[in-house]
Amino acid sequence: SLSRNRERYKITLSVKTEIANDWYTDLALAMGSAGRSDNATFGSSNSNQQYDSKKETLFVKRAMIGWKAMDWLSVEAGRIKNPLYTTQMVWDKDLTWDGVALMGKWKLDNKQTEIFANLGGNQISGDQKDYDNVGTDQATNWLLAAQVGGKHKWDNSSLKTGLTYTDYTHDTEYLTGNA
């Protein structure tokens, strides 16, 4: 039987900057699985030699530029933190996006209620590619997402919820210009 017990560690080095006129950047290097997760495993793995050769390499976890267009609106592009409100039941909090996001946040007059809206596009398989040699013509997928939600604070507690619509594209004709 396969033993799944393993000791793990995480290392992330992050540099965030604020630039004049509401521009900012975020650059983070991490060890782990190609920069998508900070986790690395002690020892070797007989079942996955490819992972063994990459686990102690630094990968770009985030490399983005952002613009706070208004008090309530931010735009980010590059390899960014997941812009959607999620829980660990849905996505790992280490997940990064390769794409663009618009994020809006409004506080209501009572200052205890906040409304948010997020729009984003994420290239699922890294750089845009058209795979013609896999038996069927396939293009890498984009995840397009729209989300609205809110958060309300009481004295010692709060409630936050969001509704998200996602669409995974897979349109080769659009990508190759043959539409």
C-alpha atoms as a PDB file:
ATOM      1  CA  SER A   1       0.000   0.000   0.000  1.00  0.00           C
ATOM      2  CA  LEU A   2       1.067   3.589  -0.617  1.00  0.00           C
ATOM      3  CA  SER A   3       2.010   5.605   2.457  1.00  0.00           C
ATOM      4  CA  ARG A   4       0.764   9.212   2.313  1.00  0.00           C
ATOM      5  CA  ASN A   5       2.475  10.255   5.565  1.00  0.00           C
ATOM      6  CA  ARG A   6       5.114  12.876   4.869  1.00  0.00           C
ATOM      7  CA  GLU A   7       6.746  15.842   6.524  1.00  0.00           C
ATOM      8  CA  ARG A   8       6.215  19.105   4.654  1.00  0.00           C
ATOM      9  CA  TYR A   9       7.581  22.616   4.765  1.00  0.00           C
ATOM     10  CA  LYS A  10       6.814  25.975   3.148  1.00  0.00           C
ATOM     11  CA  ILE A  11       9.096  28.837   2.207  1.00  0.00           C
ATOM     12  CA  THR A  12       7.825  32.021   0.557  1.00  0.00           C
ATOM     13  CA  LEU A  13       9.730  35.253  -0.024  1.00  0.00           C
ATOM     14  CA  SER A  14       7.493  38.215  -0.855  1.00  0.00           C
ATOM     15  CA  VAL A  15       8.139  41.850  -1.771  1.00  0.00           C
ATOM     16  CA  LYS A  16       5.248  44.297  -2.037  1.00  0.00           C
ATOM     17  CA  THR A  17       5.665  47.885  -3.205  1.00  0.00           C
ATOM     18  CA  GLU A  18       3.452  50.944  -3.378  1.00  0.00           C
ATOM     19  CA  ILE A  19       4.107  53.306  -6.257  1.00  0.00           C
ATOM     20  CA  ALA A  20       2.850  56.874  -6.648  1.00  0.00           C
ATOM     21  CA  ASN A  21      -0.585  57.484  -8.156  1.00  0.00           C
ATOM     22  CA  ASP A  22      -2.190  54.412  -6.557  1.00  0.00           C
ATOM     23  CA  TRP A  23      -0.094  51.762  -8.358  1.00  0.00           C
ATOM     24  CA  TYR A  24       1.337  48.760  -6.497  1.00  0.00           C
ATOM     25  CA  THR A  25       3.203  45.502  -7.163  1.00  0.00           C
ATOM     26  CA  ASP A  26       3.559  42.102  -5.530  1.00  0.00           C
ATOM     27  CA  LEU A  27       6.411  39.693  -6.250  1.00  0.00           C
ATOM     28  CA  ALA A  28       6.605  36.398  -4.353  1.00  0.00           C
ATOM     29  CA  LEU A  29       8.962  33.460  -4.784  1.00  0.00           C
ATOM     30  CA  ALA A  30       8.042  30.092  -3.300  1.00  0.00           C
ATOM     31  CA  MET A  31       9.280  26.539  -3.091  1.00  0.00           C
ATOM     32  CA  GLY A  32       6.911  23.762  -3.983  1.00  0.00           C
ATOM     33  CA  SER A  33       5.018  22.554  -6.981  1.00  0.00           C
ATOM     34  CA  ALA A  34       5.898  24.956  -9.816  1.00  0.00           C
ATOM     35  CA  GLY A  35       4.967  28.003  -7.713  1.00  0.00           C
ATOM     36  CA  ARG A  36       1.297  27.000  -7.431  1.00  0.00           C
ATOM     37  CA  SER A  37       1.670  25.691  -3.882  1.00  0.00           C
ATOM     38  CA  ASP A  38       4.228  26.614  -1.247  1.00  0.00           C
ATOM     39  CA  ASN A  39       4.410  23.028   0.000  1.00  0.00           C
ATOM     40  CA  ALA A  40       7.544  20.929  -0.418  1.00  0.00           C
ATOM     41  CA  THR A  41       8.098  17.454   0.999  1.00  0.00           C
ATOM     42  CA  PHE A  42      11.151  16.315   2.950  1.00  0.00           C
ATOM     43  CA  GLY A  43      12.933  13.282   1.507  1.00  0.00           C
ATOM     44  CA  SER A  44      12.384  11.747  -1.891  1.00  0.00           C
ATOM     45  CA  SER A  45       9.397  10.279  -3.637  1.00  0.00           C
ATOM     46  CA  ASN A  46       9.934   7.075  -5.586  1.00  0.00           C
ATOM     47  CA  SER A  47       6.665   7.562  -7.431  1.00  0.00           C
ATOM     48  CA  ASN A  48       7.281  11.052  -8.827  1.00  0.00           C
ATOM     49  CA  GLN A  49      10.854  11.788  -9.853  1.00  0.00           C
ATOM     50  CA  GLN A  50       9.778  14.944 -11.702  1.00  0.00           C
ATOM     51  CA  TYR A  51       8.578  16.459  -8.408  1.00  0.00           C
ATOM     52  CA  ASP A  52      11.820  15.511  -6.637  1.00  0.00           C
ATOM     53  CA  SER A  53      13.889  17.518  -9.106  1.00  0.00           C
ATOM     54  CA  LYS A  54      11.717  20.637  -8.665  1.00  0.00           C
ATOM     55  CA  LYS A  55      10.904  20.713  -4.968  1.00  0.00           C
ATOM     56  CA  GLU A  56      13.897  22.780  -3.905  1.00  0.00           C
ATOM     57  CA  THR A  57      13.697  25.229  -6.786  1.00  0.00           C
ATOM     58  CA  LEU A  58      12.301  28.719  -6.314  1.00  0.00           C
ATOM     59  CA  PHE A  59       9.280  29.425  -8.490  1.00  0.00           C
ATOM     60  CA  VAL A  60       7.428  32.663  -9.138  1.00  0.00           C
ATOM     61  CA  LYS A  61       4.311  32.437  -6.998  1.00  0.00           C
ATOM     62  CA  ARG A  62       3.087  35.975  -7.721  1.00  0.00           C
ATOM     63  CA  ALA A  63       4.306  38.682 -10.098  1.00  0.00           C
ATOM     64  CA  MET A  64       1.660  41.333 -10.552  1.00  0.00           C
ATOM     65  CA  ILE A  65       0.939  44.981 -10.964  1.00  0.00           C
ATOM     66  CA  GLY A  66      -2.149  46.601  -9.510  1.00  0.00           C
ATOM     67  CA  TRP A  67      -3.934  49.909  -9.746  1.00  0.00           C
ATOM     68  CA  LYS A  68      -6.328  51.343  -7.179  1.00  0.00           C
ATOM     69  CA  ALA A  69      -8.438  53.193  -9.730  1.00  0.00           C
ATOM     70  CA  MET A  70     -10.871  54.522  -7.096  1.00  0.00           C
ATOM     71  CA  ASP A  71     -11.389  54.086  -3.367  1.00  0.00           C
ATOM     72  CA  TRP A  72     -13.709  51.177  -4.137  1.00  0.00           C
ATOM     73  CA  LEU A  73     -12.113  49.677  -7.298  1.00  0.00           C
ATOM     74  CA  SER A  74      -8.808  47.841  -7.845  1.00  0.00           C
ATOM     75  CA  VAL A  75      -7.461  46.256 -11.035  1.00  0.00           C
ATOM     76  CA  GLU A  76      -4.709  43.616 -10.921  1.00  0.00           C
ATOM     77  CA  ALA A  77      -2.895  41.760 -13.717  1.00  0.00           C
ATOM     78  CA  GLY A  78      -0.203  39.083 -13.876  1.00  0.00           C
ATOM     79  CA  ARG A  79       0.168  36.147 -11.509  1.00  0.00           C
ATOM     80  CA  ILE A  80      -2.114  37.387  -8.734  1.00  0.00           C
ATOM     81  CA  LYS A  81      -3.675  36.134  -5.518  1.00  0.00           C
ATOM     82  CA  ASN A  82      -7.039  34.518  -6.071  1.00  0.00           C
ATOM     83  CA  PRO A  83      -9.378  37.552  -6.213  1.00  0.00           C
ATOM     84  CA  LEU A  84     -12.502  35.585  -5.280  1.00  0.00           C
ATOM     85  CA  TYR A  85     -13.850  35.084  -1.789  1.00  0.00           C
ATOM     86  CA  THR A  86     -13.452  31.346  -1.205  1.00  0.00           C
ATOM     87  CA  THR A  87     -13.108  28.879   1.613  1.00  0.00           C
ATOM     88  CA  GLN A  88     -10.689  25.951   1.850  1.00  0.00           C
ATOM     89  CA  MET A  89     -13.585  23.646   0.960  1.00  0.00           C
ATOM     90  CA  VAL A  90     -13.593  25.190  -2.529  1.00  0.00           C
ATOM     91  CA  TRP A  91      -9.990  26.239  -3.298  1.00  0.00           C
ATOM     92  CA  ASP A  92      -6.674  26.108  -1.504  1.00  0.00           C
ATOM     93  CA  LYS A  93      -5.793  29.540  -0.125  1.00  0.00           C
ATOM     94  CA  ASP A  94      -2.386  29.265  -1.845  1.00  0.00           C
ATOM     95  CA  LEU A  95      -3.996  29.278  -5.309  1.00  0.00           C
ATOM     96  CA  THR A  96      -2.745  31.982  -7.664  1.00  0.00           C
ATOM     97  CA  TRP A  97      -4.268  33.218 -10.902  1.00  0.00           C
ATOM     98  CA  ASP A  98      -2.498  33.963 -14.175  1.00  0.00           C
ATOM     99  CA  GLY A  99      -4.736  36.676 -15.566  1.00  0.00           C
ATOM    100  CA  VAL A 100      -6.584  39.828 -14.650  1.00  0.00           C
ATOM    101  CA  ALA A 101      -9.117  40.827 -11.983  1.00  0.00           C
ATOM    102  CA  LEU A 102     -11.335  43.791 -11.143  1.00  0.00           C
ATOM    103  CA  MET A 103     -12.310  43.993  -7.471  1.00  0.00           C
ATOM    104  CA  GLY A 104     -14.870  46.363  -6.014  1.00  0.00           C
ATOM    105  CA  LYS A 105     -15.665  46.910  -2.337  1.00  0.00           C
ATOM    106  CA  TRP A 106     -18.239  49.280  -0.847  1.00  0.00           C
ATOM    107  CA  LYS A 107     -18.987  50.020   2.814  1.00  0.00           C
ATOM    108  CA  LEU A 108     -22.557  50.972   3.597  1.00  0.00           C
ATOM    109  CA  ASP A 109     -23.437  53.946   5.810  1.00  0.00           C
ATOM    110  CA  ASN A 110     -23.537  51.860   8.971  1.00  0.00           C
ATOM    111  CA  LYS A 111     -19.843  50.884   8.433  1.00  0.00           C
ATOM    112  CA  GLN A 112     -20.674  47.364   9.595  1.00  0.00           C
ATOM    113  CA  THR A 113     -21.867  46.103   6.216  1.00  0.00           C
ATOM    114  CA  GLU A 114     -19.645  45.682   3.189  1.00  0.00           C
ATOM    115  CA  ILE A 115     -20.664  44.704  -0.345  1.00  0.00           C
ATOM    116  CA  PHE A 116     -18.095  43.320  -2.791  1.00  0.00           C
ATOM    117  CA  ALA A 117     -17.988  42.379  -6.476  1.00  0.00           C
ATOM    118  CA  ASN A 118     -15.156  40.645  -8.333  1.00  0.00           C
ATOM    119  CA  LEU A 119     -14.586  39.891 -12.016  1.00  0.00           C
ATOM    120  CA  GLY A 120     -11.645  37.898 -13.283  1.00  0.00           C
ATOM    121  CA  GLY A 121     -10.079  35.814 -16.007  1.00  0.00           C
ATOM    122  CA  ASN A 122      -7.524  33.121 -15.169  1.00  0.00           C
ATOM    123  CA  GLN A 123      -5.429  31.118 -17.637  1.00  0.00           C
ATOM    124  CA  ILE A 124      -5.729  27.607 -16.183  1.00  0.00           C
ATOM    125  CA  SER A 125      -2.771  25.894 -17.865  1.00  0.00           C
ATOM    126  CA  GLY A 126      -0.186  28.668 -17.854  1.00  0.00           C
ATOM    127  CA  ASP A 127       0.684  30.309 -21.174  1.00  0.00           C
ATOM    128  CA  GLN A 128      -1.932  30.205 -23.924  1.00  0.00           C
ATOM    129  CA  LYS A 129      -1.363  27.013 -25.949  1.00  0.00           C
ATOM    130  CA  ASP A 130      -3.186  25.109 -28.651  1.00  0.00           C
ATOM    131  CA  TYR A 131      -2.706  21.349 -28.281  1.00  0.00           C
ATOM    132  CA  ASP A 132      -3.172  19.762 -31.711  1.00  0.00           C
ATOM    133  CA  ASN A 133      -1.308  16.525 -30.965  1.00  0.00           C
ATOM    134  CA  VAL A 134      -3.458  14.981 -28.230  1.00  0.00           C
ATOM    135  CA  GLY A 135      -5.974  13.175 -30.418  1.00  0.00           C
ATOM    136  CA  THR A 136      -8.443  16.055 -30.457  1.00  0.00           C
ATOM    137  CA  ASP A 137      -7.778  19.729 -31.010  1.00  0.00           C
ATOM    138  CA  GLN A 138      -7.712  21.303 -27.546  1.00  0.00           C
ATOM    139  CA  ALA A 139      -6.916  24.778 -26.323  1.00  0.00           C
ATOM    140  CA  THR A 140      -5.943  25.546 -22.765  1.00  0.00           C
ATOM    141  CA  ASN A 141      -8.844  26.667 -20.638  1.00  0.00           C
ATOM    142  CA  TRP A 142      -9.604  30.074 -19.226  1.00  0.00           C
ATOM    143  CA  LEU A 143     -11.619  30.396 -16.043  1.00  0.00           C
ATOM    144  CA  LEU A 144     -13.895  33.445 -16.221  1.00  0.00           C
ATOM    145  CA  ALA A 145     -15.569  34.391 -12.958  1.00  0.00           C
ATOM    146  CA  ALA A 146     -18.033  36.951 -11.627  1.00  0.00           C
ATOM    147  CA  GLN A 147     -18.822  37.217  -7.931  1.00  0.00           C
ATOM    148  CA  VAL A 148     -21.006  39.349  -5.658  1.00  0.00           C
ATOM    149  CA  GLY A 149     -21.243  39.100  -1.907  1.00  0.00           C
ATOM    150  CA  GLY A 150     -21.361  40.824   1.401  1.00  0.00           C
ATOM    151  CA  LYS A 151     -20.085  40.861   4.943  1.00  0.00           C
ATOM    152  CA  HIS A 152     -21.820  42.108   8.053  1.00  0.00           C
ATOM    153  CA  LYS A 153     -20.109  42.620  11.437  1.00  0.00           C
ATOM    154  CA  TRP A 154     -21.754  42.435  14.829  1.00  0.00           C
ATOM    155  CA  ASP A 155     -20.049  43.036  18.176  1.00  0.00           C
ATOM    156  CA  ASN A 156     -17.980  39.843  18.359  1.00  0.00           C
ATOM    157  CA  SER A 157     -18.886  38.019  15.155  1.00  0.00           C
ATOM    158  CA  SER A 158     -19.441  38.446  11.449  1.00  0.00           C
ATOM    159  CA  LEU A 159     -21.081  36.719   8.507  1.00  0.00           C
ATOM    160  CA  LYS A 160     -19.586  36.736   5.009  1.00  0.00           C
ATOM    161  CA  THR A 161     -21.113  35.135   1.938  1.00  0.00           C
ATOM    162  CA  GLY A 162     -20.674  35.290  -1.816  1.00  0.00           C
ATOM    163  CA  LEU A 163     -22.314  34.037  -4.972  1.00  0.00           C
ATOM    164  CA  THR A 164     -19.974  33.139  -7.837  1.00  0.00           C
ATOM    165  CA  TYR A 165     -20.590  32.299 -11.483  1.00  0.00           C
ATOM    166  CA  THR A 166     -17.717  30.612 -13.320  1.00  0.00           C
ATOM    167  CA  ASP A 167     -17.273  29.635 -16.955  1.00  0.00           C
ATOM    168  CA  TYR A 168     -14.446  27.516 -18.335  1.00  0.00           C
ATOM    169  CA  THR A 169     -13.722  28.356 -21.959  1.00  0.00           C
ATOM    170  CA  HIS A 170     -12.521  25.773 -24.436  1.00  0.00           C
ATOM    171  CA  ASP A 171     -13.032  27.450 -27.806  1.00  0.00           C
ATOM    172  CA  THR A 172     -10.212  26.595 -30.209  1.00  0.00           C
ATOM    173  CA  GLU A 173     -11.725  28.537 -33.077  1.00  0.00           C
ATOM    174  CA  TYR A 174     -11.747  31.728 -31.004  1.00  0.00           C
ATOM    175  CA  LEU A 175      -8.114  31.220 -30.020  1.00  0.00           C
ATOM    176  CA  THR A 176      -6.861  30.548 -33.555  1.00  0.00           C
ATOM    177  CA  GLY A 177      -8.923  33.269 -35.216  1.00  0.00           C
ATOM    178  CA  ASN A 178     -11.020  30.877 -37.346  1.00  0.00           C
ATOM    179  CA  ALA A 179     -14.385  31.970 -35.965  1.00  0.00           C
END
